[in-house]
Amino acid sequence: DALQRVVTESGTVVMPTHSTQYSDPTVWSDPAVPDDWVS
């Protein structure tokens, strides 16, 4: 709310909304998953 109030609709607020839980599980390390889970 504060960001929108200060920047107003004449400006633009941008944020990263990454979702790396949707990446290929073969490269996961934090945590890694068992090999038989990957498929």
ModelCIF file with pLDDT and N, C-alpha, C, O atoms, coordinates in Angstrom:
data_MODEL
#
_entry.id   MODEL 
#
_entity.id                         1 
_entity.type                       polymer 
_entity.pdbx_number_of_molecules   1 
#
_entity_poly.entity_id                      1 
_entity_poly.type                           'polypeptide(L)' 
_entity_poly.nstd_linkage                   no 
_entity_poly.nstd_monomer                   no 
_entity_poly.pdbx_seq_one_letter_code       DALQRVVTESGTVVMPTHSTQYSDPTVWSDPAVPDDWVS 
_entity_poly.pdbx_seq_one_letter_code_can   DALQRVVTESGTVVMPTHSTQYSDPTVWSDPAVPDDWVS 
_entity_poly.pdbx_strand_id                 A 
#
loop_
_entity_poly_seq.entity_id 
_entity_poly_seq.num 
_entity_poly_seq.mon_id 
_entity_poly_seq.hetero 
1 1  ASP n 
1 2  ALA n 
1 3  LEU n 
1 4  GLN n 
1 5  ARG n 
1 6  VAL n 
1 7  VAL n 
1 8  THR n 
1 9  GLU n 
1 10 SER n 
1 11 GLY n 
1 12 THR n 
1 13 VAL n 
1 14 VAL n 
1 15 MET n 
1 16 PRO n 
1 17 THR n 
1 18 HIS n 
1 19 SER n 
1 20 THR n 
1 21 GLN n 
1 22 TYR n 
1 23 SER n 
1 24 ASP n 
1 25 PRO n 
1 26 THR n 
1 27 VAL n 
1 28 TRP n 
1 29 SER n 
1 30 ASP n 
1 31 PRO n 
1 32 ALA n 
1 33 VAL n 
1 34 PRO n 
1 35 ASP n 
1 36 ASP n 
1 37 TRP n 
1 38 VAL n 
1 39 SER n 
#
_struct_asym.id          A 
_struct_asym.entity_id   1 
#
loop_
_ma_qa_metric.id 
_ma_qa_metric.mode 
_ma_qa_metric.name 
_ma_qa_metric.software_group_id 
_ma_qa_metric.type 
1 global pLDDT . pLDDT 
2 local  pLDDT . pLDDT 
#
_ma_qa_metric_global.metric_id      1 
_ma_qa_metric_global.metric_value   94.79 
_ma_qa_metric_global.model_id       1 
_ma_qa_metric_global.ordinal_id     1 
#
loop_
_ma_qa_metric_local.label_asym_id 
_ma_qa_metric_local.label_comp_id 
_ma_qa_metric_local.label_seq_id 
_ma_qa_metric_local.metric_id 
_ma_qa_metric_local.metric_value 
_ma_qa_metric_local.model_id 
_ma_qa_metric_local.ordinal_id 
A ASP 1  2 98.00 1 1  
A ALA 2  2 98.00 1 2  
A LEU 3  2 98.00 1 3  
A GLN 4  2 98.00 1 4  
A ARG 5  2 98.00 1 5  
A VAL 6  2 98.00 1 6  
A VAL 7  2 98.00 1 7  
A THR 8  2 98.00 1 8  
A GLU 9  2 98.00 1 9  
A SER 10 2 98.00 1 10 
A GLY 11 2 98.00 1 11 
A THR 12 2 98.00 1 12 
A VAL 13 2 98.00 1 13 
A VAL 14 2 98.00 1 14 
A MET 15 2 98.00 1 15 
A PRO 16 2 98.00 1 16 
A THR 17 2 98.00 1 17 
A HIS 18 2 98.00 1 18 
A SER 19 2 97.00 1 19 
A THR 20 2 94.00 1 20 
A GLN 21 2 94.00 1 21 
A TYR 22 2 92.00 1 22 
A SER 23 2 92.00 1 23 
A ASP 24 2 91.00 1 24 
A PRO 25 2 93.00 1 25 
A THR 26 2 90.00 1 26 
A VAL 27 2 87.00 1 27 
A TRP 28 2 90.00 1 28 
A SER 29 2 88.00 1 29 
A ASP 30 2 85.00 1 30 
A PRO 31 2 91.00 1 31 
A ALA 32 2 93.00 1 32 
A VAL 33 2 94.00 1 33 
A PRO 34 2 95.00 1 34 
A ASP 35 2 93.00 1 35 
A ASP 36 2 94.00 1 36 
A TRP 37 2 95.00 1 37 
A VAL 38 2 93.00 1 38 
A SER 39 2 92.00 1 39 
#
loop_
_atom_site.group_PDB 
_atom_site.id 
_atom_site.type_symbol 
_atom_site.label_atom_id 
_atom_site.label_alt_id 
_atom_site.label_comp_id 
_atom_site.label_asym_id 
_atom_site.label_entity_id 
_atom_site.label_seq_id 
_atom_site.pdbx_PDB_ins_code 
_atom_site.Cartn_x 
_atom_site.Cartn_y 
_atom_site.Cartn_z 
_atom_site.occupancy 
_atom_site.B_iso_or_equiv 
_atom_site.pdbx_formal_charge 
_atom_site.auth_seq_id 
_atom_site.auth_comp_id 
_atom_site.auth_asym_id 
_atom_site.auth_atom_id 
_atom_site.pdbx_PDB_model_num 
ATOM 1   N N  . ASP A 1 1  ? 0.828  -1.207  0.000   1.00 98.00 ? 1  ASP A N  1 
ATOM 2   C CA . ASP A 1 1  ? 0.000  0.000   0.000   1.00 98.00 ? 1  ASP A CA 1 
ATOM 3   C C  . ASP A 1 1  ? 0.858  1.252   0.000   1.00 98.00 ? 1  ASP A C  1 
ATOM 4   O O  . ASP A 1 1  ? 0.555  2.216   -0.703  1.00 98.00 ? 1  ASP A O  1 
ATOM 5   N N  . ALA A 1 2  ? 1.939  1.243   0.792   1.00 98.00 ? 2  ALA A N  1 
ATOM 6   C CA . ALA A 1 2  ? 2.815  2.410   0.862   1.00 98.00 ? 2  ALA A CA 1 
ATOM 7   C C  . ALA A 1 2  ? 3.520  2.646   -0.464  1.00 98.00 ? 2  ALA A C  1 
ATOM 8   O O  . ALA A 1 2  ? 3.628  3.787   -0.913  1.00 98.00 ? 2  ALA A O  1 
ATOM 9   N N  . LEU A 1 3  ? 3.999  1.587   -1.093  1.00 98.00 ? 3  LEU A N  1 
ATOM 10  C CA . LEU A 1 3  ? 4.654  1.721   -2.394  1.00 98.00 ? 3  LEU A CA 1 
ATOM 11  C C  . LEU A 1 3  ? 3.705  2.317   -3.422  1.00 98.00 ? 3  LEU A C  1 
ATOM 12  O O  . LEU A 1 3  ? 4.082  3.217   -4.173  1.00 98.00 ? 3  LEU A O  1 
ATOM 13  N N  . GLN A 1 4  ? 2.479  1.818   -3.457  1.00 98.00 ? 4  GLN A N  1 
ATOM 14  C CA . GLN A 1 4  ? 1.507  2.315   -4.424  1.00 98.00 ? 4  GLN A CA 1 
ATOM 15  C C  . GLN A 1 4  ? 1.130  3.764   -4.120  1.00 98.00 ? 4  GLN A C  1 
ATOM 16  O O  . GLN A 1 4  ? 0.929  4.557   -5.040  1.00 98.00 ? 4  GLN A O  1 
ATOM 17  N N  . ARG A 1 5  ? 1.035  4.108   -2.859  1.00 98.00 ? 5  ARG A N  1 
ATOM 18  C CA . ARG A 1 5  ? 0.686  5.475   -2.488  1.00 98.00 ? 5  ARG A CA 1 
ATOM 19  C C  . ARG A 1 5  ? 1.749  6.461   -2.953  1.00 98.00 ? 5  ARG A C  1 
ATOM 20  O O  . ARG A 1 5  ? 1.424  7.537   -3.455  1.00 98.00 ? 5  ARG A O  1 
ATOM 21  N N  . VAL A 1 6  ? 3.008  6.102   -2.789  1.00 98.00 ? 6  VAL A N  1 
ATOM 22  C CA . VAL A 1 6  ? 4.094  7.028   -3.109  1.00 98.00 ? 6  VAL A CA 1 
ATOM 23  C C  . VAL A 1 6  ? 4.358  7.085   -4.612  1.00 98.00 ? 6  VAL A C  1 
ATOM 24  O O  . VAL A 1 6  ? 4.516  8.169   -5.172  1.00 98.00 ? 6  VAL A O  1 
ATOM 25  N N  . VAL A 1 7  ? 4.406  5.937   -5.260  1.00 98.00 ? 7  VAL A N  1 
ATOM 26  C CA . VAL A 1 7  ? 4.699  5.899   -6.694  1.00 98.00 ? 7  VAL A CA 1 
ATOM 27  C C  . VAL A 1 7  ? 3.503  6.385   -7.498  1.00 98.00 ? 7  VAL A C  1 
ATOM 28  O O  . VAL A 1 7  ? 3.685  7.009   -8.543  1.00 98.00 ? 7  VAL A O  1 
ATOM 29  N N  . THR A 1 8  ? 2.308  6.121   -7.046  1.00 98.00 ? 8  THR A N  1 
ATOM 30  C CA . THR A 1 8  ? 1.028  6.432   -7.678  1.00 98.00 ? 8  THR A CA 1 
ATOM 31  C C  . THR A 1 8  ? 0.850  5.642   -8.976  1.00 98.00 ? 8  THR A C  1 
ATOM 32  O O  . THR A 1 8  ? 1.779  4.986   -9.447  1.00 98.00 ? 8  THR A O  1 
ATOM 33  N N  . GLU A 1 9  ? -0.328 5.712   -9.534  1.00 98.00 ? 9  GLU A N  1 
ATOM 34  C CA . GLU A 1 9  ? -0.619 4.974   -10.762 1.00 98.00 ? 9  GLU A CA 1 
ATOM 35  C C  . GLU A 1 9  ? 0.135  5.523   -11.965 1.00 98.00 ? 9  GLU A C  1 
ATOM 36  O O  . GLU A 1 9  ? 0.168  4.884   -13.016 1.00 98.00 ? 9  GLU A O  1 
ATOM 37  N N  . SER A 1 10 ? 0.740  6.700   -11.824 1.00 98.00 ? 10 SER A N  1 
ATOM 38  C CA . SER A 1 10 ? 1.551  7.239   -12.913 1.00 98.00 ? 10 SER A CA 1 
ATOM 39  C C  . SER A 1 10 ? 2.923  6.582   -12.980 1.00 98.00 ? 10 SER A C  1 
ATOM 40  O O  . SER A 1 10 ? 3.625  6.723   -13.982 1.00 98.00 ? 10 SER A O  1 
ATOM 41  N N  . GLY A 1 11 ? 3.313  5.873   -11.942 1.00 98.00 ? 11 GLY A N  1 
ATOM 42  C CA . GLY A 1 11 ? 4.571  5.139   -11.904 1.00 98.00 ? 11 GLY A CA 1 
ATOM 43  C C  . GLY A 1 11 ? 4.336  3.652   -12.014 1.00 98.00 ? 11 GLY A C  1 
ATOM 44  O O  . GLY A 1 11 ? 3.226  3.208   -12.308 1.00 98.00 ? 11 GLY A O  1 
ATOM 45  N N  . THR A 1 12 ? 5.391  2.877   -11.776 1.00 98.00 ? 12 THR A N  1 
ATOM 46  C CA . THR A 1 12 ? 5.301  1.420   -11.913 1.00 98.00 ? 12 THR A CA 1 
ATOM 47  C C  . THR A 1 12 ? 6.117  0.754   -10.809 1.00 98.00 ? 12 THR A C  1 
ATOM 48  O O  . THR A 1 12 ? 7.276  1.104   -10.583 1.00 98.00 ? 12 THR A O  1 
ATOM 49  N N  . VAL A 1 13 ? 5.508  -0.195  -10.133 1.00 98.00 ? 13 VAL A N  1 
ATOM 50  C CA . VAL A 1 13 ? 6.191  -1.014  -9.120  1.00 98.00 ? 13 VAL A CA 1 
ATOM 51  C C  . VAL A 1 13 ? 6.381  -2.408  -9.697  1.00 98.00 ? 13 VAL A C  1 
ATOM 52  O O  . VAL A 1 13 ? 5.438  -3.005  -10.216 1.00 98.00 ? 13 VAL A O  1 
ATOM 53  N N  . VAL A 1 14 ? 7.606  -2.925  -9.606  1.00 98.00 ? 14 VAL A N  1 
ATOM 54  C CA . VAL A 1 14 ? 7.950  -4.238  -10.161 1.00 98.00 ? 14 VAL A CA 1 
ATOM 55  C C  . VAL A 1 14 ? 8.607  -5.064  -9.066  1.00 98.00 ? 14 VAL A C  1 
ATOM 56  O O  . VAL A 1 14 ? 9.400  -4.537  -8.285  1.00 98.00 ? 14 VAL A O  1 
ATOM 57  N N  . MET A 1 15 ? 8.290  -6.343  -9.000  1.00 98.00 ? 15 MET A N  1 
ATOM 58  C CA . MET A 1 15 ? 8.936  -7.242  -8.041  1.00 98.00 ? 15 MET A CA 1 
ATOM 59  C C  . MET A 1 15 ? 9.208  -8.588  -8.690  1.00 98.00 ? 15 MET A C  1 
ATOM 60  O O  . MET A 1 15 ? 8.418  -9.043  -9.518  1.00 98.00 ? 15 MET A O  1 
ATOM 61  N N  . PRO A 1 16 ? 10.321 -9.237  -8.327  1.00 98.00 ? 16 PRO A N  1 
ATOM 62  C CA . PRO A 1 16 ? 10.545 -10.615 -8.786  1.00 98.00 ? 16 PRO A CA 1 
ATOM 63  C C  . PRO A 1 16 ? 9.577  -11.550 -8.072  1.00 98.00 ? 16 PRO A C  1 
ATOM 64  O O  . PRO A 1 16 ? 9.375  -11.447 -6.862  1.00 98.00 ? 16 PRO A O  1 
ATOM 65  N N  . THR A 1 17 ? 8.984  -12.460 -8.833  1.00 98.00 ? 17 THR A N  1 
ATOM 66  C CA . THR A 1 17 ? 8.036  -13.437 -8.271  1.00 98.00 ? 17 THR A CA 1 
ATOM 67  C C  . THR A 1 17 ? 8.445  -14.837 -8.717  1.00 98.00 ? 17 THR A C  1 
ATOM 68  O O  . THR A 1 17 ? 7.627  -15.605 -9.224  1.00 98.00 ? 17 THR A O  1 
ATOM 69  N N  . HIS A 1 18 ? 9.710  -15.153 -8.524  1.00 98.00 ? 18 HIS A N  1 
ATOM 70  C CA . HIS A 1 18 ? 10.264 -16.394 -9.057  1.00 98.00 ? 18 HIS A CA 1 
ATOM 71  C C  . HIS A 1 18 ? 9.634  -17.621 -8.399  1.00 98.00 ? 18 HIS A C  1 
ATOM 72  O O  . HIS A 1 18 ? 9.200  -17.582 -7.248  1.00 98.00 ? 18 HIS A O  1 
ATOM 73  N N  . SER A 1 19 ? 9.599  -18.696 -9.158  1.00 97.00 ? 19 SER A N  1 
ATOM 74  C CA . SER A 1 19 ? 8.977  -19.949 -8.696  1.00 97.00 ? 19 SER A CA 1 
ATOM 75  C C  . SER A 1 19 ? 9.881  -21.115 -9.087  1.00 97.00 ? 19 SER A C  1 
ATOM 76  O O  . SER A 1 19 ? 9.504  -21.958 -9.901  1.00 97.00 ? 19 SER A O  1 
ATOM 77  N N  . THR A 1 20 ? 11.063 -21.154 -8.507  1.00 94.00 ? 20 THR A N  1 
ATOM 78  C CA . THR A 1 20 ? 12.054 -22.160 -8.895  1.00 94.00 ? 20 THR A CA 1 
ATOM 79  C C  . THR A 1 20 ? 11.691 -23.557 -8.428  1.00 94.00 ? 20 THR A C  1 
ATOM 80  O O  . THR A 1 20 ? 12.367 -24.519 -8.791  1.00 94.00 ? 20 THR A O  1 
ATOM 81  N N  . GLN A 1 21 ? 10.637 -23.693 -7.629  1.00 94.00 ? 21 GLN A N  1 
ATOM 82  C CA . GLN A 1 21 ? 10.136 -25.028 -7.278  1.00 94.00 ? 21 GLN A CA 1 
ATOM 83  C C  . GLN A 1 21 ? 9.559  -25.750 -8.490  1.00 94.00 ? 21 GLN A C  1 
ATOM 84  O O  . GLN A 1 21 ? 9.252  -26.940 -8.416  1.00 94.00 ? 21 GLN A O  1 
ATOM 85  N N  . TYR A 1 22 ? 9.410  -25.034 -9.609  1.00 92.00 ? 22 TYR A N  1 
ATOM 86  C CA . TYR A 1 22 ? 8.906  -25.627 -10.845 1.00 92.00 ? 22 TYR A CA 1 
ATOM 87  C C  . TYR A 1 22 ? 10.019 -26.015 -11.805 1.00 92.00 ? 22 TYR A C  1 
ATOM 88  O O  . TYR A 1 22 ? 9.752  -26.410 -12.940 1.00 92.00 ? 22 TYR A O  1 
ATOM 89  N N  . SER A 1 23 ? 11.269 -25.905 -11.356 1.00 92.00 ? 23 SER A N  1 
ATOM 90  C CA . SER A 1 23 ? 12.407 -26.245 -12.204 1.00 92.00 ? 23 SER A CA 1 
ATOM 91  C C  . SER A 1 23 ? 12.593 -27.762 -12.291 1.00 92.00 ? 23 SER A C  1 
ATOM 92  O O  . SER A 1 23 ? 11.883 -28.529 -11.643 1.00 92.00 ? 23 SER A O  1 
ATOM 93  N N  . ASP A 1 24 ? 13.557 -28.168 -13.101 1.00 91.00 ? 24 ASP A N  1 
ATOM 94  C CA . ASP A 1 24 ? 13.857 -29.589 -13.297 1.00 91.00 ? 24 ASP A CA 1 
ATOM 95  C C  . ASP A 1 24 ? 14.404 -30.169 -11.994 1.00 91.00 ? 24 ASP A C  1 
ATOM 96  O O  . ASP A 1 24 ? 15.439 -29.705 -11.517 1.00 91.00 ? 24 ASP A O  1 
ATOM 97  N N  . PRO A 1 25 ? 13.744 -31.170 -11.401 1.00 93.00 ? 25 PRO A N  1 
ATOM 98  C CA . PRO A 1 25 ? 14.201 -31.711 -10.116 1.00 93.00 ? 25 PRO A CA 1 
ATOM 99  C C  . PRO A 1 25 ? 15.569 -32.379 -10.178 1.00 93.00 ? 25 PRO A C  1 
ATOM 100 O O  . PRO A 1 25 ? 16.161 -32.640 -9.131  1.00 93.00 ? 25 PRO A O  1 
ATOM 101 N N  . THR A 1 26 ? 16.091 -32.664 -11.375 1.00 90.00 ? 26 THR A N  1 
ATOM 102 C CA . THR A 1 26 ? 17.426 -33.275 -11.453 1.00 90.00 ? 26 THR A CA 1 
ATOM 103 C C  . THR A 1 26 ? 18.513 -32.325 -10.970 1.00 90.00 ? 26 THR A C  1 
ATOM 104 O O  . THR A 1 26 ? 19.609 -32.773 -10.633 1.00 90.00 ? 26 THR A O  1 
ATOM 105 N N  . VAL A 1 27 ? 18.234 -31.012 -10.928 1.00 87.00 ? 27 VAL A N  1 
ATOM 106 C CA . VAL A 1 27 ? 19.262 -30.054 -10.516 1.00 87.00 ? 27 VAL A CA 1 
ATOM 107 C C  . VAL A 1 27 ? 19.037 -29.540 -9.101  1.00 87.00 ? 27 VAL A C  1 
ATOM 108 O O  . VAL A 1 27 ? 19.790 -28.683 -8.637  1.00 87.00 ? 27 VAL A O  1 
ATOM 109 N N  . TRP A 1 28 ? 18.035 -30.034 -8.413  1.00 90.00 ? 28 TRP A N  1 
ATOM 110 C CA . TRP A 1 28 ? 17.763 -29.541 -7.063  1.00 90.00 ? 28 TRP A CA 1 
ATOM 111 C C  . TRP A 1 28 ? 18.866 -29.977 -6.097  1.00 90.00 ? 28 TRP A C  1 
ATOM 112 O O  . TRP A 1 28 ? 19.369 -31.098 -6.161  1.00 90.00 ? 28 TRP A O  1 
ATOM 113 N N  . SER A 1 29 ? 19.223 -29.059 -5.207  1.00 88.00 ? 29 SER A N  1 
ATOM 114 C CA . SER A 1 29 ? 20.249 -29.386 -4.209  1.00 88.00 ? 29 SER A CA 1 
ATOM 115 C C  . SER A 1 29 ? 19.878 -28.905 -2.813  1.00 88.00 ? 29 SER A C  1 
ATOM 116 O O  . SER A 1 29 ? 20.573 -29.244 -1.855  1.00 88.00 ? 29 SER A O  1 
ATOM 117 N N  . ASP A 1 30 ? 18.809 -28.129 -2.663  1.00 85.00 ? 30 ASP A N  1 
ATOM 118 C CA . ASP A 1 30 ? 18.487 -27.546 -1.359  1.00 85.00 ? 30 ASP A CA 1 
ATOM 119 C C  . ASP A 1 30 ? 16.990 -27.647 -1.075  1.00 85.00 ? 30 ASP A C  1 
ATOM 120 O O  . ASP A 1 30 ? 16.302 -26.626 -1.046  1.00 85.00 ? 30 ASP A O  1 
ATOM 121 N N  . PRO A 1 31 ? 16.464 -28.885 -0.860  1.00 91.00 ? 31 PRO A N  1 
ATOM 122 C CA . PRO A 1 31 ? 17.211 -30.136 -0.794  1.00 91.00 ? 31 PRO A CA 1 
ATOM 123 C C  . PRO A 1 31 ? 17.181 -30.883 -2.133  1.00 91.00 ? 31 PRO A C  1 
ATOM 124 O O  . PRO A 1 31 ? 16.345 -30.611 -2.995  1.00 91.00 ? 31 PRO A O  1 
ATOM 125 N N  . ALA A 1 32 ? 18.100 -31.816 -2.282  1.00 93.00 ? 32 ALA A N  1 
ATOM 126 C CA . ALA A 1 32 ? 18.023 -32.770 -3.388  1.00 93.00 ? 32 ALA A CA 1 
ATOM 127 C C  . ALA A 1 32 ? 16.930 -33.795 -3.064  1.00 93.00 ? 32 ALA A C  1 
ATOM 128 O O  . ALA A 1 32 ? 16.574 -33.991 -1.902  1.00 93.00 ? 32 ALA A O  1 
ATOM 129 N N  . VAL A 1 33 ? 16.409 -34.439 -4.097  1.00 94.00 ? 33 VAL A N  1 
ATOM 130 C CA . VAL A 1 33 ? 15.394 -35.468 -3.893  1.00 94.00 ? 33 VAL A CA 1 
ATOM 131 C C  . VAL A 1 33 ? 15.940 -36.800 -4.396  1.00 94.00 ? 33 VAL A C  1 
ATOM 132 O O  . VAL A 1 33 ? 16.838 -36.820 -5.237  1.00 94.00 ? 33 VAL A O  1 
ATOM 133 N N  . PRO A 1 34 ? 15.407 -37.911 -3.891  1.00 95.00 ? 34 PRO A N  1 
ATOM 134 C CA . PRO A 1 34 ? 15.882 -39.223 -4.359  1.00 95.00 ? 34 PRO A CA 1 
ATOM 135 C C  . PRO A 1 34 ? 15.703 -39.365 -5.866  1.00 95.00 ? 34 PRO A C  1 
ATOM 136 O O  . PRO A 1 34 ? 14.771 -38.810 -6.448  1.00 95.00 ? 34 PRO A O  1 
ATOM 137 N N  . ASP A 1 35 ? 16.602 -40.110 -6.483  1.00 93.00 ? 35 ASP A N  1 
ATOM 138 C CA . ASP A 1 35 ? 16.567 -40.278 -7.939  1.00 93.00 ? 35 ASP A CA 1 
ATOM 139 C C  . ASP A 1 35 ? 15.234 -40.835 -8.424  1.00 93.00 ? 35 ASP A C  1 
ATOM 140 O O  . ASP A 1 35 ? 14.744 -40.461 -9.489  1.00 93.00 ? 35 ASP A O  1 
ATOM 141 N N  . ASP A 1 36 ? 14.647 -41.742 -7.620  1.00 94.00 ? 36 ASP A N  1 
ATOM 142 C CA . ASP A 1 36 ? 13.406 -42.357 -8.082  1.00 94.00 ? 36 ASP A CA 1 
ATOM 143 C C  . ASP A 1 36 ? 12.197 -41.427 -7.926  1.00 94.00 ? 36 ASP A C  1 
ATOM 144 O O  . ASP A 1 36 ? 11.090 -41.790 -8.321  1.00 94.00 ? 36 ASP A O  1 
ATOM 145 N N  . TRP A 1 37 ? 12.395 -40.241 -7.358  1.00 95.00 ? 37 TRP A N  1 
ATOM 146 C CA . TRP A 1 37 ? 11.322 -39.254 -7.287  1.00 95.00 ? 37 TRP A CA 1 
ATOM 147 C C  . TRP A 1 37 ? 11.253 -38.382 -8.549  1.00 95.00 ? 37 TRP A C  1 
ATOM 148 O O  . TRP A 1 37 ? 10.206 -37.812 -8.858  1.00 95.00 ? 37 TRP A O  1 
ATOM 149 N N  . VAL A 1 38 ? 12.367 -38.283 -9.267  1.00 93.00 ? 38 VAL A N  1 
ATOM 150 C CA . VAL A 1 38 ? 12.482 -37.285 -10.329 1.00 93.00 ? 38 VAL A CA 1 
ATOM 151 C C  . VAL A 1 38 ? 11.389 -37.436 -11.378 1.00 93.00 ? 38 VAL A C  1 
ATOM 152 O O  . VAL A 1 38 ? 10.710 -36.465 -11.712 1.00 93.00 ? 38 VAL A O  1 
ATOM 153 N N  . SER A 1 39 ? 11.216 -38.636 -11.895 1.00 92.00 ? 39 SER A N  1 
ATOM 154 C CA . SER A 1 39 ? 10.212 -38.828 -12.942 1.00 92.00 ? 39 SER A CA 1 
ATOM 155 C C  . SER A 1 39 ? 8.808  -38.572 -12.403 1.00 92.00 ? 39 SER A C  1 
ATOM 156 O O  . SER A 1 39 ? 7.832  -38.686 -13.144 1.00 92.00 ? 39 SER A O  1 
#
